[in-house]
Amino acid sequence: MTEARQRIAELERNVTDLRGLVAAQNKVGADAQKAAETKKAEDAKKAADEAKKAEDAKKAAEEAKKAED
């Protein structure tokens, strides 16, 4: 009977340890996802800024061409 109690206690510790590992893994996963989303948003903003600059440059070139005519 004592052996069974010891085994139960050991199994309960293992379950507690595994729950802690799962929680840590979930946090790491959530942090990684947040970092990826932040990077994606930064990349999208950078692309939008570059597109705006290109559009502005195109407009400036068109205006310069009109001024020459």
PDB file of N, CA and C in Angstrom:
ATOM      1  N   MET A   1       0.827  -1.192   0.000  1.00  0.00           N
ATOM      2  CA  MET A   1       0.000   0.000   0.000  1.00  0.00           C
ATOM      3  C   MET A   1       0.874   1.261   0.000  1.00  0.00           C
ATOM      4  N   THR A   2       1.954   1.259   0.728  1.00  0.00           N
ATOM      5  CA  THR A   2       2.859   2.401   0.777  1.00  0.00           C
ATOM      6  C   THR A   2       3.472   2.638  -0.600  1.00  0.00           C
ATOM      7  N   GLU A   3       3.803   1.558  -1.286  1.00  0.00           N
ATOM      8  CA  GLU A   3       4.360   1.685  -2.636  1.00  0.00           C
ATOM      9  C   GLU A   3       3.363   2.367  -3.564  1.00  0.00           C
ATOM     10  N   ALA A   4       2.121   2.008  -3.465  1.00  0.00           N
ATOM     11  CA  ALA A   4       1.076   2.594  -4.310  1.00  0.00           C
ATOM     12  C   ALA A   4       0.945   4.083  -4.012  1.00  0.00           C
ATOM     13  N   ARG A   5       0.992   4.470  -2.759  1.00  0.00           N
ATOM     14  CA  ARG A   5       0.897   5.891  -2.397  1.00  0.00           C
ATOM     15  C   ARG A   5       2.094   6.670  -2.931  1.00  0.00           C
ATOM     16  N   GLN A   6       3.270   6.059  -2.826  1.00  0.00           N
ATOM     17  CA  GLN A   6       4.465   6.712  -3.343  1.00  0.00           C
ATOM     18  C   GLN A   6       4.369   6.885  -4.865  1.00  0.00           C
ATOM     19  N   ARG A   7       3.876   5.873  -5.508  1.00  0.00           N
ATOM     20  CA  ARG A   7       3.724   5.928  -6.968  1.00  0.00           C
ATOM     21  C   ARG A   7       2.702   7.009  -7.355  1.00  0.00           C
ATOM     22  N   ILE A   8       1.612   7.083  -6.628  1.00  0.00           N
ATOM     23  CA  ILE A   8       0.599   8.117  -6.882  1.00  0.00           C
ATOM     24  C   ILE A   8       1.203   9.501  -6.690  1.00  0.00           C
ATOM     25  N   ALA A   9       1.960   9.688  -5.628  1.00  0.00           N
ATOM     26  CA  ALA A   9       2.590  10.978  -5.362  1.00  0.00           C
ATOM     27  C   ALA A   9       3.565  11.339  -6.488  1.00  0.00           C
ATOM     28  N   GLU A  10       4.324  10.366  -6.959  1.00  0.00           N
ATOM     29  CA  GLU A  10       5.266  10.593  -8.055  1.00  0.00           C
ATOM     30  C   GLU A  10       4.526  10.966  -9.344  1.00  0.00           C
ATOM     31  N   LEU A  11       3.447  10.261  -9.604  1.00  0.00           N
ATOM     32  CA  LEU A  11       2.656  10.564 -10.801  1.00  0.00           C
ATOM     33  C   LEU A  11       2.027  11.958 -10.716  1.00  0.00           C
ATOM     34  N   GLU A  12       1.567  12.328  -9.531  1.00  0.00           N
ATOM     35  CA  GLU A  12       1.001  13.660  -9.359  1.00  0.00           C
ATOM     36  C   GLU A  12       2.054  14.746  -9.578  1.00  0.00           C
ATOM     37  N   ARG A  13       3.281  14.498  -9.114  1.00  0.00           N
ATOM     38  CA  ARG A  13       4.373  15.455  -9.363  1.00  0.00           C
ATOM     39  C   ARG A  13       4.653  15.552 -10.860  1.00  0.00           C
ATOM     40  N   ASN A  14       4.643  14.412 -11.529  1.00  0.00           N
ATOM     41  CA  ASN A  14       4.882  14.411 -12.977  1.00  0.00           C
ATOM     42  C   ASN A  14       3.801  15.200 -13.706  1.00  0.00           C
ATOM     43  N   VAL A  15       2.563  15.020 -13.305  1.00  0.00           N
ATOM     44  CA  VAL A  15       1.459  15.762 -13.923  1.00  0.00           C
ATOM     45  C   VAL A  15       1.652  17.262 -13.692  1.00  0.00           C
ATOM     46  N   THR A  16       2.007  17.638 -12.491  1.00  0.00           N
ATOM     47  CA  THR A  16       2.241  19.055 -12.174  1.00  0.00           C
ATOM     48  C   THR A  16       3.381  19.606 -13.025  1.00  0.00           C
ATOM     49  N   ASP A  17       4.467  18.848 -13.131  1.00  0.00           N
ATOM     50  CA  ASP A  17       5.607  19.277 -13.952  1.00  0.00           C
ATOM     51  C   ASP A  17       5.205  19.432 -15.420  1.00  0.00           C
ATOM     52  N   LEU A  18       4.449  18.478 -15.921  1.00  0.00           N
ATOM     53  CA  LEU A  18       4.016  18.538 -17.318  1.00  0.00           C
ATOM     54  C   LEU A  18       3.093  19.724 -17.572  1.00  0.00           C
ATOM     55  N   ARG A  19       2.221  20.003 -16.621  1.00  0.00           N
ATOM     56  CA  ARG A  19       1.351  21.173 -16.765  1.00  0.00           C
ATOM     57  C   ARG A  19       2.179  22.452 -16.834  1.00  0.00           C
ATOM     58  N   GLY A  20       3.207  22.524 -15.993  1.00  0.00           N
ATOM     59  CA  GLY A  20       4.099  23.692 -16.022  1.00  0.00           C
ATOM     60  C   GLY A  20       4.809  23.812 -17.358  1.00  0.00           C
ATOM     61  N   LEU A  21       5.263  22.684 -17.909  1.00  0.00           N
ATOM     62  CA  LEU A  21       5.933  22.707 -19.206  1.00  0.00           C
ATOM     63  C   LEU A  21       4.986  23.136 -20.324  1.00  0.00           C
ATOM     64  N   VAL A  22       3.769  22.651 -20.279  1.00  0.00           N
ATOM     65  CA  VAL A  22       2.773  23.036 -21.289  1.00  0.00           C
ATOM     66  C   VAL A  22       2.495  24.535 -21.198  1.00  0.00           C
ATOM     67  N   ALA A  23       2.356  25.038 -19.991  1.00  0.00           N
ATOM     68  CA  ALA A  23       2.098  26.475 -19.811  1.00  0.00           C
ATOM     69  C   ALA A  23       3.270  27.292 -20.355  1.00  0.00           C
ATOM     70  N   ALA A  24       4.490  26.853 -20.076  1.00  0.00           N
ATOM     71  CA  ALA A  24       5.676  27.563 -20.570  1.00  0.00           C
ATOM     72  C   ALA A  24       5.730  27.509 -22.091  1.00  0.00           C
ATOM     73  N   GLN A  25       5.428  26.358 -22.650  1.00  0.00           N
ATOM     74  CA  GLN A  25       5.448  26.205 -24.097  1.00  0.00           C
ATOM     75  C   GLN A  25       4.380  27.086 -24.749  1.00  0.00           C
ATOM     76  N   ASN A  26       3.213  27.159 -24.150  1.00  0.00           N
ATOM     77  CA  ASN A  26       2.154  28.015 -24.673  1.00  0.00           C
ATOM     78  C   ASN A  26       2.574  29.478 -24.655  1.00  0.00           C
ATOM     79  N   LYS A  27       3.257  29.881 -23.597  1.00  0.00           N
ATOM     80  CA  LYS A  27       3.724  31.269 -23.497  1.00  0.00           C
ATOM     81  C   LYS A  27       4.752  31.551 -24.581  1.00  0.00           C
ATOM     82  N   VAL A  28       5.676  30.620 -24.776  1.00  0.00           N
ATOM     83  CA  VAL A  28       6.695  30.804 -25.816  1.00  0.00           C
ATOM     84  C   VAL A  28       6.021  30.902 -27.183  1.00  0.00           C
ATOM     85  N   GLY A  29       5.052  30.044 -27.415  1.00  0.00           N
ATOM     86  CA  GLY A  29       4.328  30.083 -28.683  1.00  0.00           C
ATOM     87  C   GLY A  29       3.584  31.388 -28.881  1.00  0.00           C
ATOM     88  N   ALA A  30       2.947  31.860 -27.831  1.00  0.00           N
ATOM     89  CA  ALA A  30       2.207  33.130 -27.910  1.00  0.00           C
ATOM     90  C   ALA A  30       3.169  34.292 -28.141  1.00  0.00           C
ATOM     91  N   ASP A  31       4.306  34.271 -27.467  1.00  0.00           N
ATOM     92  CA  ASP A  31       5.300  35.323 -27.659  1.00  0.00           C
ATOM     93  C   ASP A  31       5.834  35.313 -29.093  1.00  0.00           C
ATOM     94  N   ALA A  32       6.077  34.125 -29.623  1.00  0.00           N
ATOM     95  CA  ALA A  32       6.571  34.009 -30.994  1.00  0.00           C
ATOM     96  C   ALA A  32       5.527  34.508 -31.985  1.00  0.00           C
ATOM     97  N   GLN A  33       4.277  34.179 -31.740  1.00  0.00           N
ATOM     98  CA  GLN A  33       3.211  34.633 -32.627  1.00  0.00           C
ATOM     99  C   GLN A  33       3.089  36.154 -32.583  1.00  0.00           C
ATOM    100  N   LYS A  34       3.176  36.711 -31.393  1.00  0.00           N
ATOM    101  CA  LYS A  34       3.088  38.170 -31.254  1.00  0.00           C
ATOM    102  C   LYS A  34       4.250  38.839 -31.987  1.00  0.00           C
ATOM    103  N   ALA A  35       5.441  38.281 -31.846  1.00  0.00           N
ATOM    104  CA  ALA A  35       6.604  38.843 -32.528  1.00  0.00           C
ATOM    105  C   ALA A  35       6.436  38.768 -34.041  1.00  0.00           C
ATOM    106  N   ALA A  36       5.900  37.659 -34.525  1.00  0.00           N
ATOM    107  CA  ALA A  36       5.677  37.505 -35.966  1.00  0.00           C
ATOM    108  C   ALA A  36       4.642  38.507 -36.463  1.00  0.00           C
ATOM    109  N   GLU A  37       3.584  38.705 -35.699  1.00  0.00           N
ATOM    110  CA  GLU A  37       2.551  39.669 -36.092  1.00  0.00           C
ATOM    111  C   GLU A  37       3.101  41.093 -36.089  1.00  0.00           C
ATOM    112  N   THR A  38       3.938  41.408 -35.112  1.00  0.00           N
ATOM    113  CA  THR A  38       4.558  42.733 -35.049  1.00  0.00           C
ATOM    114  C   THR A  38       5.452  42.944 -36.262  1.00  0.00           C
ATOM    115  N   LYS A  39       6.244  41.931 -36.585  1.00  0.00           N
ATOM    116  CA  LYS A  39       7.143  42.006 -37.742  1.00  0.00           C
ATOM    117  C   LYS A  39       6.329  42.175 -39.020  1.00  0.00           C
ATOM    118  N   LYS A  40       5.246  41.438 -39.127  1.00  0.00           N
ATOM    119  CA  LYS A  40       4.386  41.522 -40.312  1.00  0.00           C
ATOM    120  C   LYS A  40       3.809  42.934 -40.446  1.00  0.00           C
ATOM    121  N   ALA A  41       3.370  43.493 -39.336  1.00  0.00           N
ATOM    122  CA  ALA A  41       2.814  44.847 -39.356  1.00  0.00           C
ATOM    123  C   ALA A  41       3.889  45.864 -39.739  1.00  0.00           C
ATOM    124  N   GLU A  42       5.092  45.697 -39.208  1.00  0.00           N
ATOM    125  CA  GLU A  42       6.185  46.604 -39.544  1.00  0.00           C
ATOM    126  C   GLU A  42       6.529  46.503 -41.029  1.00  0.00           C
ATOM    127  N   ASP A  43       6.558  45.273 -41.549  1.00  0.00           N
ATOM    128  CA  ASP A  43       6.852  45.070 -42.968  1.00  0.00           C
ATOM    129  C   ASP A  43       5.771  45.693 -43.846  1.00  0.00           C
ATOM    130  N   ALA A  44       4.517  45.555 -43.441  1.00  0.00           N
ATOM    131  CA  ALA A  44       3.414  46.140 -44.206  1.00  0.00           C
ATOM    132  C   ALA A  44       3.510  47.666 -44.203  1.00  0.00           C
ATOM    133  N   LYS A  45       3.844  48.244 -43.066  1.00  0.00           N
ATOM    134  CA  LYS A  45       3.991  49.701 -42.980  1.00  0.00           C
ATOM    135  C   LYS A  45       5.139  50.167 -43.857  1.00  0.00           C
ATOM    136  N   LYS A  46       6.236  49.438 -43.832  1.00  0.00           N
ATOM    137  CA  LYS A  46       7.392  49.788 -44.652  1.00  0.00           C
ATOM    138  C   LYS A  46       7.028  49.721 -46.137  1.00  0.00           C
ATOM    139  N   ALA A  47       6.318  48.681 -46.529  1.00  0.00           N
ATOM    140  CA  ALA A  47       5.896  48.543 -47.922  1.00  0.00           C
ATOM    141  C   ALA A  47       4.961  49.676 -48.322  1.00  0.00           C
ATOM    142  N   ALA A  48       4.046  50.040 -47.438  1.00  0.00           N
ATOM    143  CA  ALA A  48       3.126  51.143 -47.721  1.00  0.00           C
ATOM    144  C   ALA A  48       3.886  52.458 -47.859  1.00  0.00           C
ATOM    145  N   ASP A  49       4.866  52.675 -46.983  1.00  0.00           N
ATOM    146  CA  ASP A  49       5.676  53.896 -47.057  1.00  0.00           C
ATOM    147  C   ASP A  49       6.449  53.961 -48.374  1.00  0.00           C
ATOM    148  N   GLU A  50       7.007  52.818 -48.775  1.00  0.00           N
ATOM    149  CA  GLU A  50       7.761  52.774 -50.026  1.00  0.00           C
ATOM    150  C   GLU A  50       6.841  53.008 -51.229  1.00  0.00           C
ATOM    151  N   ALA A  51       5.643  52.449 -51.180  1.00  0.00           N
ATOM    152  CA  ALA A  51       4.683  52.661 -52.261  1.00  0.00           C
ATOM    153  C   ALA A  51       4.290  54.132 -52.345  1.00  0.00           C
ATOM    154  N   LYS A  52       4.104  54.768 -51.196  1.00  0.00           N
ATOM    155  CA  LYS A  52       3.749  56.195 -51.161  1.00  0.00           C
ATOM    156  C   LYS A  52       4.884  57.028 -51.744  1.00  0.00           C
ATOM    157  N   LYS A  53       6.124  56.709 -51.381  1.00  0.00           N
ATOM    158  CA  LYS A  53       7.271  57.444 -51.923  1.00  0.00           C
ATOM    159  C   LYS A  53       7.342  57.284 -53.437  1.00  0.00           C
ATOM    160  N   ALA A  54       7.114  56.064 -53.914  1.00  0.00           N
ATOM    161  CA  ALA A  54       7.144  55.814 -55.350  1.00  0.00           C
ATOM    162  C   ALA A  54       6.047  56.605 -56.051  1.00  0.00           C
ATOM    163  N   GLU A  55       4.859  56.635 -55.469  1.00  0.00           N
ATOM    164  CA  GLU A  55       3.741  57.391 -56.044  1.00  0.00           C
ATOM    165  C   GLU A  55       4.053  58.884 -56.054  1.00  0.00           C
ATOM    166  N   ASP A  56       4.638  59.378 -54.960  1.00  0.00           N
ATOM    167  CA  ASP A  56       5.005  60.791 -54.892  1.00  0.00           C
ATOM    168  C   ASP A  56       6.060  61.130 -55.941  1.00  0.00           C
ATOM    169  N   ALA A  57       7.030  60.248 -56.115  1.00  0.00           N
ATOM    170  CA  ALA A  57       8.078  60.470 -57.111  1.00  0.00           C
ATOM    171  C   ALA A  57       7.485  60.474 -58.514  1.00  0.00           C
ATOM    172  N   LYS A  58       6.539  59.583 -58.761  1.00  0.00           N
ATOM    173  CA  LYS A  58       5.879  59.524 -60.067  1.00  0.00           C
ATOM    174  C   LYS A  58       5.117  60.819 -60.343  1.00  0.00           C
ATOM    175  N   LYS A  59       4.385  61.304 -59.334  1.00  0.00           N
ATOM    176  CA  LYS A  59       3.643  62.556 -59.488  1.00  0.00           C
ATOM    177  C   LYS A  59       4.589  63.730 -59.735  1.00  0.00           C
ATOM    178  N   ALA A  60       5.703  63.742 -59.000  1.00  0.00           N
ATOM    179  CA  ALA A  60       6.673  64.826 -59.170  1.00  0.00           C
ATOM    180  C   ALA A  60       7.263  64.789 -60.573  1.00  0.00           C
ATOM    181  N   ALA A  61       7.547  63.617 -61.087  1.00  0.00           N
ATOM    182  CA  ALA A  61       8.086  63.491 -62.443  1.00  0.00           C
ATOM    183  C   ALA A  61       7.060  63.944 -63.466  1.00  0.00           C
ATOM    184  N   GLU A  62       5.808  63.590 -63.256  1.00  0.00           N
ATOM    185  CA  GLU A  62       4.745  64.015 -64.182  1.00  0.00           C
ATOM    186  C   GLU A  62       4.591  65.535 -64.168  1.00  0.00           C
ATOM    187  N   GLU A  63       4.650  66.125 -62.991  1.00  0.00           N
ATOM    188  CA  GLU A  63       4.538  67.586 -62.875  1.00  0.00           C
ATOM    189  C   GLU A  63       5.727  68.273 -63.527  1.00  0.00           C
ATOM    190  N   ALA A  64       6.912  67.697 -63.360  1.00  0.00           N
ATOM    191  CA  ALA A  64       8.100  68.272 -63.970  1.00  0.00           C
ATOM    192  C   ALA A  64       8.002  68.202 -65.496  1.00  0.00           C
ATOM    193  N   LYS A  65       7.479  67.091 -65.981  1.00  0.00           N
ATOM    194  CA  LYS A  65       7.308  66.931 -67.437  1.00  0.00           C
ATOM    195  C   LYS A  65       6.300  67.942 -67.961  1.00  0.00           C
ATOM    196  N   LYS A  66       5.206  68.143 -67.225  1.00  0.00           N
ATOM    197  CA  LYS A  66       4.186  69.127 -67.641  1.00  0.00           C
ATOM    198  C   LYS A  66       4.774  70.530 -67.645  1.00  0.00           C
ATOM    199  N   ALA A  67       5.634  70.813 -66.667  1.00  0.00           N
ATOM    200  CA  ALA A  67       6.234  72.132 -66.567  1.00  0.00           C
ATOM    201  C   ALA A  67       7.177  72.384 -67.753  1.00  0.00           C
ATOM    202  N   GLU A  68       7.812  71.350 -68.252  1.00  0.00           N
ATOM    203  CA  GLU A  68       8.716  71.477 -69.368  1.00  0.00           C
ATOM    204  C   GLU A  68       7.957  71.777 -70.669  1.00  0.00           C
ATOM    205  N   ASP A  69       6.760  71.234 -70.762  1.00  0.00           N
ATOM    206  CA  ASP A  69       5.965  71.387 -71.992  1.00  0.00           C
ATOM    207  C   ASP A  69       5.408  72.746 -72.096  1.00  0.00           C
TER     208      ASP A  69
END
